[in-house]
Structure formats: structure tokens, C-alpha cells
N, C-alpha and C. Protein backbone atom coordinates (compact mmCIF):
# COMPACT_ATOMS: atom_id res chain seq x y z
N MET A 1 109.33 117.63 93.53
CA MET A 1 108.92 116.25 93.72
C MET A 1 109.78 115.64 94.84
N LYS A 2 109.11 115.04 95.78
CA LYS A 2 109.78 114.45 96.94
C LYS A 2 110.48 113.14 96.56
N LYS A 3 111.73 113.01 96.96
CA LYS A 3 112.48 111.77 96.75
C LYS A 3 112.12 110.80 97.88
N ILE A 4 111.63 109.63 97.52
CA ILE A 4 111.25 108.60 98.48
C ILE A 4 112.46 107.75 98.85
N LEU A 5 113.36 107.56 97.89
CA LEU A 5 114.48 106.65 98.06
C LEU A 5 115.66 107.14 97.23
N VAL A 6 116.85 107.15 97.85
CA VAL A 6 118.08 107.48 97.12
C VAL A 6 119.11 106.41 97.45
N ALA A 7 119.61 105.73 96.43
CA ALA A 7 120.65 104.71 96.60
C ALA A 7 121.94 105.24 95.98
N GLU A 8 123.03 105.15 96.73
CA GLU A 8 124.32 105.63 96.24
C GLU A 8 125.37 104.54 96.35
N ASN A 9 125.92 104.19 95.20
CA ASN A 9 127.04 103.25 95.10
C ASN A 9 126.79 101.92 95.81
N LEU A 10 125.59 101.37 95.61
CA LEU A 10 125.27 100.09 96.24
C LEU A 10 126.03 98.95 95.58
N SER A 11 126.56 98.08 96.40
CA SER A 11 127.20 96.86 95.93
C SER A 11 126.71 95.71 96.80
N TYR A 12 126.65 94.54 96.18
CA TYR A 12 126.23 93.36 96.93
C TYR A 12 126.92 92.14 96.34
N LYS A 13 127.45 91.31 97.23
CA LYS A 13 128.05 90.07 96.79
C LYS A 13 127.65 88.95 97.73
N ILE A 14 127.62 87.76 97.19
CA ILE A 14 127.38 86.55 97.97
C ILE A 14 128.66 85.74 97.88
N ASN A 15 129.28 85.51 99.03
CA ASN A 15 130.61 84.90 99.09
C ASN A 15 131.54 85.76 98.24
N ASP A 16 132.12 85.22 97.20
CA ASP A 16 133.02 86.01 96.35
C ASP A 16 132.37 86.43 95.04
N THR A 17 131.07 86.18 94.89
CA THR A 17 130.36 86.50 93.65
C THR A 17 129.69 87.86 93.77
N LYS A 18 130.12 88.82 92.95
CA LYS A 18 129.50 90.15 92.92
C LYS A 18 128.24 90.08 92.07
N LEU A 19 127.12 90.48 92.66
CA LEU A 19 125.88 90.52 91.89
C LEU A 19 125.73 91.87 91.19
N PHE A 20 126.01 92.95 91.92
CA PHE A 20 126.04 94.29 91.31
C PHE A 20 126.97 95.15 92.13
N GLN A 21 127.44 96.23 91.50
CA GLN A 21 128.35 97.12 92.22
C GLN A 21 128.17 98.55 91.73
N ASN A 22 128.41 99.50 92.66
CA ASN A 22 128.34 100.94 92.37
C ASN A 22 127.03 101.35 91.70
N LEU A 23 125.94 100.81 92.21
CA LEU A 23 124.61 101.07 91.67
C LEU A 23 124.02 102.30 92.37
N SER A 24 123.66 103.32 91.59
CA SER A 24 123.07 104.54 92.15
C SER A 24 121.78 104.86 91.39
N PHE A 25 120.75 105.24 92.14
CA PHE A 25 119.47 105.64 91.54
C PHE A 25 118.65 106.36 92.59
N SER A 26 117.61 107.04 92.14
CA SER A 26 116.67 107.66 93.08
C SER A 26 115.25 107.39 92.58
N LEU A 27 114.32 107.44 93.52
CA LEU A 27 112.91 107.17 93.22
C LEU A 27 112.06 108.27 93.86
N ASN A 28 111.32 108.98 93.03
CA ASN A 28 110.45 110.06 93.50
C ASN A 28 109.05 109.54 93.79
N GLU A 29 108.31 110.27 94.60
CA GLU A 29 106.91 109.91 94.84
C GLU A 29 106.17 109.98 93.50
N GLY A 30 105.24 109.07 93.32
CA GLY A 30 104.48 109.02 92.08
C GLY A 30 105.24 108.44 90.90
N ALA A 31 106.42 107.86 91.16
CA ALA A 31 107.24 107.31 90.09
C ALA A 31 107.50 105.83 90.31
N ALA A 32 107.92 105.16 89.23
CA ALA A 32 108.20 103.72 89.29
C ALA A 32 109.53 103.41 88.65
N ILE A 33 110.19 102.39 89.19
CA ILE A 33 111.41 101.85 88.60
C ILE A 33 111.19 100.36 88.36
N HIS A 34 111.46 99.94 87.12
CA HIS A 34 111.36 98.54 86.72
C HIS A 34 112.77 97.98 86.65
N ILE A 35 113.08 97.02 87.51
CA ILE A 35 114.40 96.40 87.53
C ILE A 35 114.40 95.23 86.56
N LEU A 36 115.34 95.28 85.62
CA LEU A 36 115.50 94.21 84.66
C LEU A 36 116.88 93.60 84.80
N GLY A 37 117.01 92.34 84.43
CA GLY A 37 118.29 91.68 84.45
C GLY A 37 118.11 90.19 84.28
N SER A 38 119.19 89.54 83.93
CA SER A 38 119.15 88.10 83.74
C SER A 38 119.00 87.40 85.09
N ASN A 39 118.69 86.12 85.04
CA ASN A 39 118.60 85.33 86.27
C ASN A 39 119.94 85.39 86.99
N GLY A 40 119.90 85.65 88.29
CA GLY A 40 121.12 85.70 89.08
C GLY A 40 121.83 87.04 89.06
N SER A 41 121.21 88.06 88.45
CA SER A 41 121.86 89.37 88.37
C SER A 41 121.69 90.20 89.64
N GLY A 42 120.82 89.78 90.55
CA GLY A 42 120.67 90.47 91.82
C GLY A 42 119.38 91.25 92.00
N LYS A 43 118.38 91.02 91.15
CA LYS A 43 117.12 91.77 91.24
C LYS A 43 116.44 91.56 92.59
N THR A 44 116.27 90.31 92.98
CA THR A 44 115.63 90.01 94.27
C THR A 44 116.47 90.51 95.42
N SER A 45 117.77 90.35 95.34
CA SER A 45 118.66 90.85 96.40
C SER A 45 118.52 92.36 96.56
N LEU A 46 118.47 93.10 95.45
CA LEU A 46 118.31 94.54 95.51
C LEU A 46 116.98 94.91 96.17
N LEU A 47 115.91 94.23 95.81
CA LEU A 47 114.61 94.52 96.42
C LEU A 47 114.62 94.22 97.92
N LYS A 48 115.30 93.17 98.31
CA LYS A 48 115.42 92.84 99.74
C LYS A 48 116.26 93.89 100.48
N ILE A 49 117.27 94.42 99.83
CA ILE A 49 118.08 95.49 100.43
C ILE A 49 117.22 96.73 100.63
N ILE A 50 116.46 97.10 99.62
CA ILE A 50 115.58 98.26 99.71
C ILE A 50 114.56 98.07 100.83
N SER A 51 114.08 96.86 100.99
CA SER A 51 113.07 96.55 102.01
C SER A 51 113.65 96.38 103.41
N GLY A 52 114.97 96.36 103.52
CA GLY A 52 115.61 96.20 104.81
C GLY A 52 115.74 94.76 105.27
N LEU A 53 115.49 93.80 104.37
CA LEU A 53 115.59 92.38 104.72
C LEU A 53 117.00 91.85 104.56
N THR A 54 117.81 92.53 103.76
CA THR A 54 119.20 92.15 103.50
C THR A 54 120.04 93.41 103.57
N LYS A 55 121.27 93.29 103.96
CA LYS A 55 122.19 94.44 104.07
C LYS A 55 123.12 94.45 102.86
N GLN A 56 123.27 95.60 102.24
CA GLN A 56 124.19 95.75 101.12
C GLN A 56 125.63 95.56 101.59
N THR A 57 126.49 95.16 100.68
CA THR A 57 127.91 95.00 101.00
C THR A 57 128.57 96.36 101.15
N LYS A 58 128.23 97.29 100.25
CA LYS A 58 128.75 98.66 100.28
C LYS A 58 127.66 99.60 99.82
N GLY A 59 127.85 100.89 100.12
CA GLY A 59 126.92 101.91 99.65
C GLY A 59 125.90 102.30 100.70
N GLU A 60 125.10 103.28 100.35
CA GLU A 60 124.11 103.83 101.28
C GLU A 60 122.74 103.93 100.62
N ILE A 61 121.71 103.78 101.44
CA ILE A 61 120.34 104.01 100.99
C ILE A 61 119.71 105.03 101.94
N GLU A 62 119.22 106.10 101.37
CA GLU A 62 118.48 107.10 102.14
C GLU A 62 116.99 106.89 101.88
N LYS A 63 116.25 106.68 102.95
CA LYS A 63 114.82 106.43 102.84
C LYS A 63 114.06 107.62 103.40
N ASN A 64 113.05 108.07 102.65
CA ASN A 64 112.32 109.27 103.04
C ASN A 64 110.82 109.03 102.85
N TYR A 65 110.27 108.19 103.71
CA TYR A 65 108.83 107.93 103.68
C TYR A 65 108.34 107.74 105.10
N ASN A 66 107.04 107.95 105.27
CA ASN A 66 106.45 107.95 106.61
C ASN A 66 105.83 106.62 107.02
N LYS A 67 105.37 105.87 106.05
CA LYS A 67 104.66 104.63 106.35
C LYS A 67 105.54 103.44 106.00
N ASP A 68 105.14 102.27 106.47
CA ASP A 68 105.89 101.05 106.18
C ASP A 68 105.95 100.78 104.68
N ILE A 69 106.92 99.99 104.30
CA ILE A 69 107.03 99.51 102.92
C ILE A 69 106.04 98.35 102.75
N CYS A 70 105.44 98.28 101.59
CA CYS A 70 104.66 97.10 101.23
C CYS A 70 105.55 96.26 100.33
N PHE A 71 106.08 95.14 100.86
CA PHE A 71 106.96 94.26 100.11
C PHE A 71 106.24 92.97 99.79
N ILE A 72 106.18 92.63 98.51
CA ILE A 72 105.61 91.36 98.09
C ILE A 72 106.71 90.62 97.33
N GLY A 73 107.21 89.54 97.92
CA GLY A 73 108.27 88.77 97.31
C GLY A 73 107.74 87.83 96.23
N HIS A 74 108.67 87.17 95.54
CA HIS A 74 108.24 86.25 94.48
C HIS A 74 107.66 84.95 95.03
N LYS A 75 107.93 84.66 96.28
CA LYS A 75 107.25 83.54 96.93
C LYS A 75 106.01 84.11 97.60
N ASN A 76 104.95 83.35 97.64
CA ASN A 76 103.66 83.89 98.08
C ASN A 76 103.50 84.08 99.58
N ALA A 77 104.36 83.49 100.39
CA ALA A 77 104.31 83.65 101.85
C ALA A 77 102.93 83.33 102.42
N LEU A 78 102.40 82.21 101.99
CA LEU A 78 101.10 81.74 102.47
C LEU A 78 101.28 80.41 103.19
N LYS A 79 100.39 80.13 104.11
CA LYS A 79 100.39 78.85 104.82
C LYS A 79 99.52 77.87 104.03
N GLN A 80 100.16 76.91 103.38
CA GLN A 80 99.48 75.97 102.50
C GLN A 80 98.45 75.10 103.23
N TYR A 81 98.70 74.83 104.50
CA TYR A 81 97.86 73.91 105.27
C TYR A 81 96.67 74.62 105.93
N LEU A 82 96.53 75.92 105.69
CA LEU A 82 95.40 76.68 106.24
C LEU A 82 94.47 77.11 105.12
N THR A 83 93.27 77.52 105.50
CA THR A 83 92.30 77.98 104.51
C THR A 83 92.64 79.41 104.08
N VAL A 84 91.96 79.85 103.03
CA VAL A 84 92.10 81.24 102.57
C VAL A 84 91.76 82.18 103.71
N GLU A 85 90.64 81.92 104.39
CA GLU A 85 90.21 82.78 105.50
C GLU A 85 91.23 82.82 106.63
N ASP A 86 91.82 81.67 106.95
CA ASP A 86 92.85 81.63 107.99
C ASP A 86 94.06 82.45 107.59
N ASN A 87 94.45 82.39 106.32
CA ASN A 87 95.58 83.17 105.83
C ASN A 87 95.28 84.67 105.88
N LEU A 88 94.06 85.05 105.57
CA LEU A 88 93.68 86.47 105.67
C LEU A 88 93.82 86.96 107.11
N SER A 89 93.45 86.09 108.05
CA SER A 89 93.60 86.42 109.46
C SER A 89 95.07 86.57 109.84
N LEU A 90 95.91 85.64 109.39
CA LEU A 90 97.34 85.72 109.68
C LEU A 90 97.98 86.97 109.08
N LEU A 91 97.49 87.36 107.90
CA LEU A 91 98.00 88.56 107.23
C LEU A 91 97.46 89.84 107.87
N GLU A 92 96.53 89.67 108.81
CA GLU A 92 95.89 90.77 109.53
C GLU A 92 95.18 91.75 108.59
N ILE A 93 94.50 91.20 107.59
CA ILE A 93 93.73 92.03 106.67
C ILE A 93 92.25 91.62 106.62
N GLU A 94 91.87 90.66 107.46
CA GLU A 94 90.51 90.13 107.41
C GLU A 94 89.45 91.17 107.77
N ALA A 95 89.82 92.24 108.47
CA ALA A 95 88.84 93.26 108.86
C ALA A 95 88.94 94.52 108.00
N HIS A 96 89.77 94.51 106.98
CA HIS A 96 89.94 95.69 106.13
C HIS A 96 88.63 95.99 105.39
N GLY A 97 88.27 97.24 105.34
CA GLY A 97 87.01 97.66 104.74
C GLY A 97 86.87 97.33 103.26
N ASN A 98 87.95 97.23 102.54
CA ASN A 98 87.88 96.95 101.10
C ASN A 98 88.14 95.49 100.75
N LEU A 99 88.35 94.65 101.75
CA LEU A 99 88.68 93.25 101.49
C LEU A 99 87.62 92.56 100.64
N LYS A 100 86.36 92.71 101.00
CA LYS A 100 85.28 92.00 100.30
C LYS A 100 85.27 92.34 98.82
N SER A 101 85.43 93.63 98.48
CA SER A 101 85.39 94.02 97.07
C SER A 101 86.58 93.45 96.29
N PHE A 102 87.77 93.39 96.92
CA PHE A 102 88.92 92.81 96.23
C PHE A 102 88.80 91.30 96.11
N LEU A 103 88.23 90.64 97.12
CA LEU A 103 88.00 89.19 97.02
C LEU A 103 87.09 88.89 95.83
N GLN A 104 86.04 89.70 95.66
CA GLN A 104 85.12 89.51 94.54
C GLN A 104 85.81 89.82 93.21
N LEU A 105 86.54 90.92 93.15
CA LEU A 105 87.23 91.33 91.93
C LEU A 105 88.20 90.25 91.45
N LEU A 106 88.87 89.60 92.40
CA LEU A 106 89.88 88.59 92.06
C LEU A 106 89.32 87.17 92.01
N GLY A 107 88.02 87.02 92.26
CA GLY A 107 87.40 85.70 92.19
C GLY A 107 87.76 84.79 93.35
N LEU A 108 88.08 85.38 94.50
CA LEU A 108 88.45 84.59 95.67
C LEU A 108 87.34 84.53 96.72
N ASP A 109 86.27 85.24 96.51
CA ASP A 109 85.22 85.38 97.52
C ASP A 109 84.51 84.07 97.85
N LYS A 110 84.47 83.13 96.93
CA LYS A 110 83.79 81.86 97.18
C LYS A 110 84.78 80.76 97.60
N LEU A 111 86.02 81.14 97.87
CA LEU A 111 87.06 80.17 98.21
C LEU A 111 87.57 80.31 99.64
N LEU A 112 86.87 81.04 100.48
CA LEU A 112 87.36 81.33 101.82
C LEU A 112 87.61 80.09 102.67
N ASP A 113 86.83 79.02 102.45
CA ASP A 113 87.00 77.82 103.27
C ASP A 113 87.88 76.75 102.60
N VAL A 114 88.52 77.12 101.49
CA VAL A 114 89.38 76.18 100.76
C VAL A 114 90.80 76.26 101.31
N MET A 115 91.44 75.11 101.45
CA MET A 115 92.84 75.07 101.85
C MET A 115 93.69 75.69 100.74
N VAL A 116 94.65 76.50 101.11
CA VAL A 116 95.50 77.17 100.13
C VAL A 116 96.20 76.15 99.22
N ALA A 117 96.58 75.01 99.76
CA ALA A 117 97.25 73.97 98.96
C ALA A 117 96.38 73.49 97.81
N ASN A 118 95.06 73.65 97.93
CA ASN A 118 94.14 73.21 96.88
C ASN A 118 93.84 74.29 95.84
N LEU A 119 94.40 75.47 96.02
CA LEU A 119 94.21 76.54 95.04
C LEU A 119 95.23 76.40 93.92
N SER A 120 94.88 76.93 92.75
CA SER A 120 95.87 76.98 91.67
C SER A 120 96.96 77.98 92.05
N TYR A 121 98.09 77.93 91.34
CA TYR A 121 99.16 78.89 91.64
C TYR A 121 98.67 80.33 91.42
N GLY A 122 97.91 80.55 90.37
CA GLY A 122 97.38 81.89 90.11
C GLY A 122 96.47 82.39 91.22
N GLN A 123 95.62 81.51 91.74
CA GLN A 123 94.75 81.88 92.86
C GLN A 123 95.58 82.20 94.09
N GLN A 124 96.63 81.43 94.33
CA GLN A 124 97.50 81.70 95.47
C GLN A 124 98.19 83.06 95.29
N LYS A 125 98.61 83.36 94.07
CA LYS A 125 99.27 84.64 93.81
C LYS A 125 98.30 85.79 94.09
N LYS A 126 97.06 85.66 93.66
CA LYS A 126 96.06 86.71 93.91
C LYS A 126 95.82 86.89 95.41
N LEU A 127 95.78 85.77 96.14
CA LEU A 127 95.62 85.85 97.59
C LEU A 127 96.80 86.61 98.21
N ALA A 128 98.02 86.30 97.79
CA ALA A 128 99.20 86.99 98.31
C ALA A 128 99.17 88.48 97.96
N LEU A 129 98.67 88.80 96.78
CA LEU A 129 98.63 90.21 96.34
C LEU A 129 97.59 91.05 97.09
N LEU A 130 96.69 90.39 97.84
CA LEU A 130 95.73 91.17 98.64
C LEU A 130 96.45 92.11 99.60
N ARG A 131 97.64 91.71 100.09
CA ARG A 131 98.42 92.61 100.95
C ARG A 131 98.78 93.90 100.22
N LEU A 132 99.04 93.79 98.92
CA LEU A 132 99.31 94.98 98.11
C LEU A 132 98.04 95.80 97.92
N PHE A 133 96.96 95.13 97.51
CA PHE A 133 95.72 95.83 97.22
C PHE A 133 95.15 96.54 98.45
N LEU A 134 95.50 96.08 99.62
CA LEU A 134 94.98 96.68 100.86
C LEU A 134 96.07 97.42 101.64
N ASN A 135 97.14 97.80 100.96
CA ASN A 135 98.29 98.42 101.63
C ASN A 135 98.01 99.84 102.09
N ASN A 136 98.81 100.28 103.06
CA ASN A 136 98.78 101.66 103.54
C ASN A 136 100.24 102.12 103.63
N SER A 137 100.91 102.12 102.49
CA SER A 137 102.34 102.38 102.44
C SER A 137 102.65 103.52 101.48
N ASP A 138 103.84 104.08 101.61
CA ASP A 138 104.32 105.08 100.66
C ASP A 138 105.16 104.46 99.56
N LEU A 139 105.76 103.29 99.85
CA LEU A 139 106.66 102.63 98.91
C LEU A 139 106.21 101.19 98.70
N LEU A 140 106.01 100.83 97.43
CA LEU A 140 105.61 99.48 97.05
C LEU A 140 106.81 98.79 96.41
N VAL A 141 107.19 97.63 96.94
CA VAL A 141 108.34 96.88 96.44
C VAL A 141 107.84 95.49 96.05
N LEU A 142 107.90 95.19 94.75
CA LEU A 142 107.30 93.96 94.23
C LEU A 142 108.32 93.15 93.43
N ASP A 143 108.42 91.88 93.76
CA ASP A 143 109.32 90.97 93.07
C ASP A 143 108.48 90.02 92.22
N GLU A 144 108.53 90.19 90.92
CA GLU A 144 107.79 89.37 89.97
C GLU A 144 106.29 89.26 90.32
N PRO A 145 105.60 90.40 90.37
CA PRO A 145 104.20 90.37 90.82
C PRO A 145 103.23 89.69 89.86
N CYS A 146 103.57 89.54 88.59
CA CYS A 146 102.63 88.97 87.61
C CYS A 146 102.79 87.48 87.36
N VAL A 147 103.82 86.87 87.93
CA VAL A 147 104.03 85.44 87.68
C VAL A 147 102.80 84.66 88.15
N GLY A 148 102.25 83.86 87.27
CA GLY A 148 101.10 83.03 87.61
C GLY A 148 99.75 83.69 87.38
N LEU A 149 99.73 84.98 87.06
CA LEU A 149 98.46 85.67 86.86
C LEU A 149 98.00 85.59 85.41
N ASP A 150 96.69 85.42 85.22
CA ASP A 150 96.14 85.48 83.88
C ASP A 150 96.07 86.94 83.42
N LYS A 151 95.76 87.15 82.15
CA LYS A 151 95.77 88.50 81.56
C LYS A 151 94.82 89.45 82.30
N LYS A 152 93.63 88.98 82.64
CA LYS A 152 92.66 89.83 83.35
C LYS A 152 93.23 90.29 84.70
N SER A 153 93.84 89.36 85.43
CA SER A 153 94.41 89.71 86.73
C SER A 153 95.61 90.63 86.59
N GLN A 154 96.42 90.44 85.52
CA GLN A 154 97.53 91.36 85.25
C GLN A 154 97.01 92.77 84.99
N ASP A 155 95.91 92.86 84.24
CA ASP A 155 95.31 94.17 83.95
C ASP A 155 94.79 94.84 85.23
N ILE A 156 94.16 94.05 86.10
CA ILE A 156 93.69 94.57 87.39
C ILE A 156 94.87 95.11 88.19
N LEU A 157 95.96 94.35 88.23
CA LEU A 157 97.15 94.76 88.96
C LEU A 157 97.73 96.05 88.37
N CYS A 158 97.86 96.13 87.06
CA CYS A 158 98.44 97.32 86.43
C CYS A 158 97.58 98.56 86.67
N THR A 159 96.27 98.41 86.58
CA THR A 159 95.37 99.53 86.86
C THR A 159 95.53 99.99 88.31
N PHE A 160 95.59 99.04 89.23
CA PHE A 160 95.76 99.37 90.64
C PHE A 160 97.08 100.11 90.86
N LEU A 161 98.17 99.59 90.28
CA LEU A 161 99.48 100.22 90.48
C LEU A 161 99.51 101.63 89.87
N SER A 162 98.89 101.82 88.73
CA SER A 162 98.82 103.16 88.13
C SER A 162 98.06 104.12 89.05
N ASP A 163 96.98 103.64 89.65
CA ASP A 163 96.22 104.46 90.60
C ASP A 163 97.08 104.80 91.83
N GLU A 164 97.86 103.85 92.30
CA GLU A 164 98.74 104.10 93.44
C GLU A 164 99.79 105.16 93.10
N LEU A 165 100.34 105.10 91.89
CA LEU A 165 101.31 106.11 91.46
C LEU A 165 100.65 107.48 91.38
N ASN A 166 99.42 107.54 90.89
CA ASN A 166 98.68 108.81 90.83
C ASN A 166 98.40 109.36 92.22
N ALA A 167 98.37 108.47 93.23
CA ALA A 167 98.16 108.88 94.62
C ALA A 167 99.49 109.21 95.30
N LYS A 168 100.56 109.37 94.51
CA LYS A 168 101.89 109.80 94.99
C LYS A 168 102.65 108.71 95.74
N LYS A 169 102.27 107.46 95.56
CA LYS A 169 103.08 106.38 96.12
C LYS A 169 104.21 106.10 95.13
N ALA A 170 105.26 105.46 95.61
CA ALA A 170 106.39 105.10 94.75
C ALA A 170 106.42 103.59 94.61
N LEU A 171 106.93 103.13 93.46
CA LEU A 171 106.93 101.71 93.14
C LEU A 171 108.29 101.31 92.57
N ILE A 172 108.83 100.22 93.09
CA ILE A 172 110.01 99.61 92.49
C ILE A 172 109.70 98.12 92.36
N PHE A 173 109.92 97.57 91.16
CA PHE A 173 109.53 96.19 90.93
C PHE A 173 110.46 95.52 89.93
N SER A 174 110.51 94.20 90.04
CA SER A 174 111.18 93.39 89.03
C SER A 174 110.10 92.58 88.33
N SER A 175 110.28 92.38 87.03
CA SER A 175 109.31 91.57 86.30
C SER A 175 109.88 91.20 84.94
N HIS A 176 109.76 89.93 84.59
CA HIS A 176 110.10 89.49 83.24
C HIS A 176 108.88 89.63 82.33
N ILE A 177 107.73 89.89 82.92
CA ILE A 177 106.49 90.10 82.17
C ILE A 177 106.30 91.61 82.05
N SER A 178 106.07 92.08 80.84
CA SER A 178 105.91 93.51 80.60
C SER A 178 104.63 94.02 81.25
N LEU A 179 104.77 95.08 82.06
CA LEU A 179 103.62 95.69 82.72
C LEU A 179 103.31 97.02 82.05
N ASP A 180 102.04 97.32 81.90
CA ASP A 180 101.62 98.57 81.28
C ASP A 180 101.62 99.68 82.34
N ILE A 181 102.84 100.01 82.80
CA ILE A 181 103.02 101.03 83.83
C ILE A 181 104.18 101.92 83.38
N SER A 182 103.98 103.20 83.45
CA SER A 182 105.06 104.13 83.12
C SER A 182 106.15 104.01 84.18
N SER A 183 107.37 103.62 83.74
CA SER A 183 108.45 103.42 84.70
C SER A 183 109.81 103.64 84.05
N GLU A 184 110.75 104.01 84.89
CA GLU A 184 112.15 104.08 84.48
C GLU A 184 112.71 102.66 84.57
N VAL A 185 113.67 102.33 83.72
CA VAL A 185 114.26 100.99 83.73
C VAL A 185 115.63 101.06 84.41
N LEU A 186 115.85 100.12 85.32
CA LEU A 186 117.15 99.96 85.96
C LEU A 186 117.66 98.57 85.57
N GLN A 187 118.68 98.55 84.70
CA GLN A 187 119.19 97.28 84.17
C GLN A 187 120.32 96.76 85.05
N LEU A 188 120.17 95.53 85.54
CA LEU A 188 121.22 94.86 86.29
C LEU A 188 121.82 93.79 85.39
N ASP A 189 123.12 93.76 85.34
CA ASP A 189 123.81 92.72 84.59
C ASP A 189 124.80 92.06 85.52
N LYS A 190 125.02 90.78 85.33
CA LYS A 190 125.99 90.08 86.17
C LYS A 190 127.36 90.70 86.03
N ALA A 191 128.03 90.87 87.19
CA ALA A 191 129.37 91.48 87.19
C ALA A 191 130.39 90.53 86.63
């Protein structure tokens, strides 16, 4: 089994506050890691380190994948003052061959001309998750992907993620909401 990611002795601190230290783990293709921890334990920081958005204080990460990472943060990264269609264009997914079917599946197909600010939080979350549903990555990094989603949408997400794992993609995610996905648990506790 190919290792997609190997982290050795990772540490991260903000000013003088240690969030985690000497953290080591590996992630194989077709496998998932669920990061758990209390608020402020460093879950989002760890995901940003893995995604290359933040630099660890100490330690090394070996990355072994060919395609870009698909990172979906806990903020939706949408332009509130633009329509759904405009946001799809900015995300550069408006021409994707599977976009129409996912818009229908998520109930967004009739909202293309609606300003994002006028959508419910759950609808905005589904719009943001389209980047995941239309990804072409080897590694999926998700920060609280289910926040704001109803049960049906959570089930759609879990089925999709299970299919991605079966296709040999790797997944690392944080979530306070239990997902029906086979995963190893990585517990972060405040130092």
C-alpha cells in the first residue's frame, strides 16, 4: 500500500502556546484519518500544515502524491455578493462535466442566479463542497465538512467520500459530527 503522507515529530505553536508536539502518523492511499480534539487543540492548524498553507514549528512531512490536494476549510470561501453561478465561475468548475448532476443532487440547480448571501448556511456549505465533489486530487483534506449540512446531505457526502477511498484516494479530516466512514482516529489534546 502506497503511503500518501508521512508526518514525523510535528510540533506547532502560536506565540508561546503549544498546540501539539511530537505528532507522528502516516496515511496510505485508500485510507482515512479522523482528527479529533477539543476546541483550540490544533486540528485546523494541522490540516493547514498538511495542505501547505501553514508551516510547522518542528518536524517533517513527506508527501507522496501526484495531483494537487483538495482542501476544504471550515469557512466556505465563497463571495457573498456574487451569485451561485458567479462563484462556480470563480472556483473554475462551471465547465466540469459532472457539475449539473451534483447541482441537482444537492438541490442547488435552481439557485444559480441567487446571491450567495441569500442562501442558507447549509446551501452555502453544499456550494463550497462542490470543489470536493468535482476534485481531481489524490489527497482530500477537510475541516469540519458536515457543519451546516442536513442528514441527507451528510449521507451524500459520506457515500462520496467512501467511493473516493475505494478509488485509492486518501482522506484526512476533522469533524465533531460522526461520519460513517472507516477511519483511523488521531486524537489531539491541548499541550
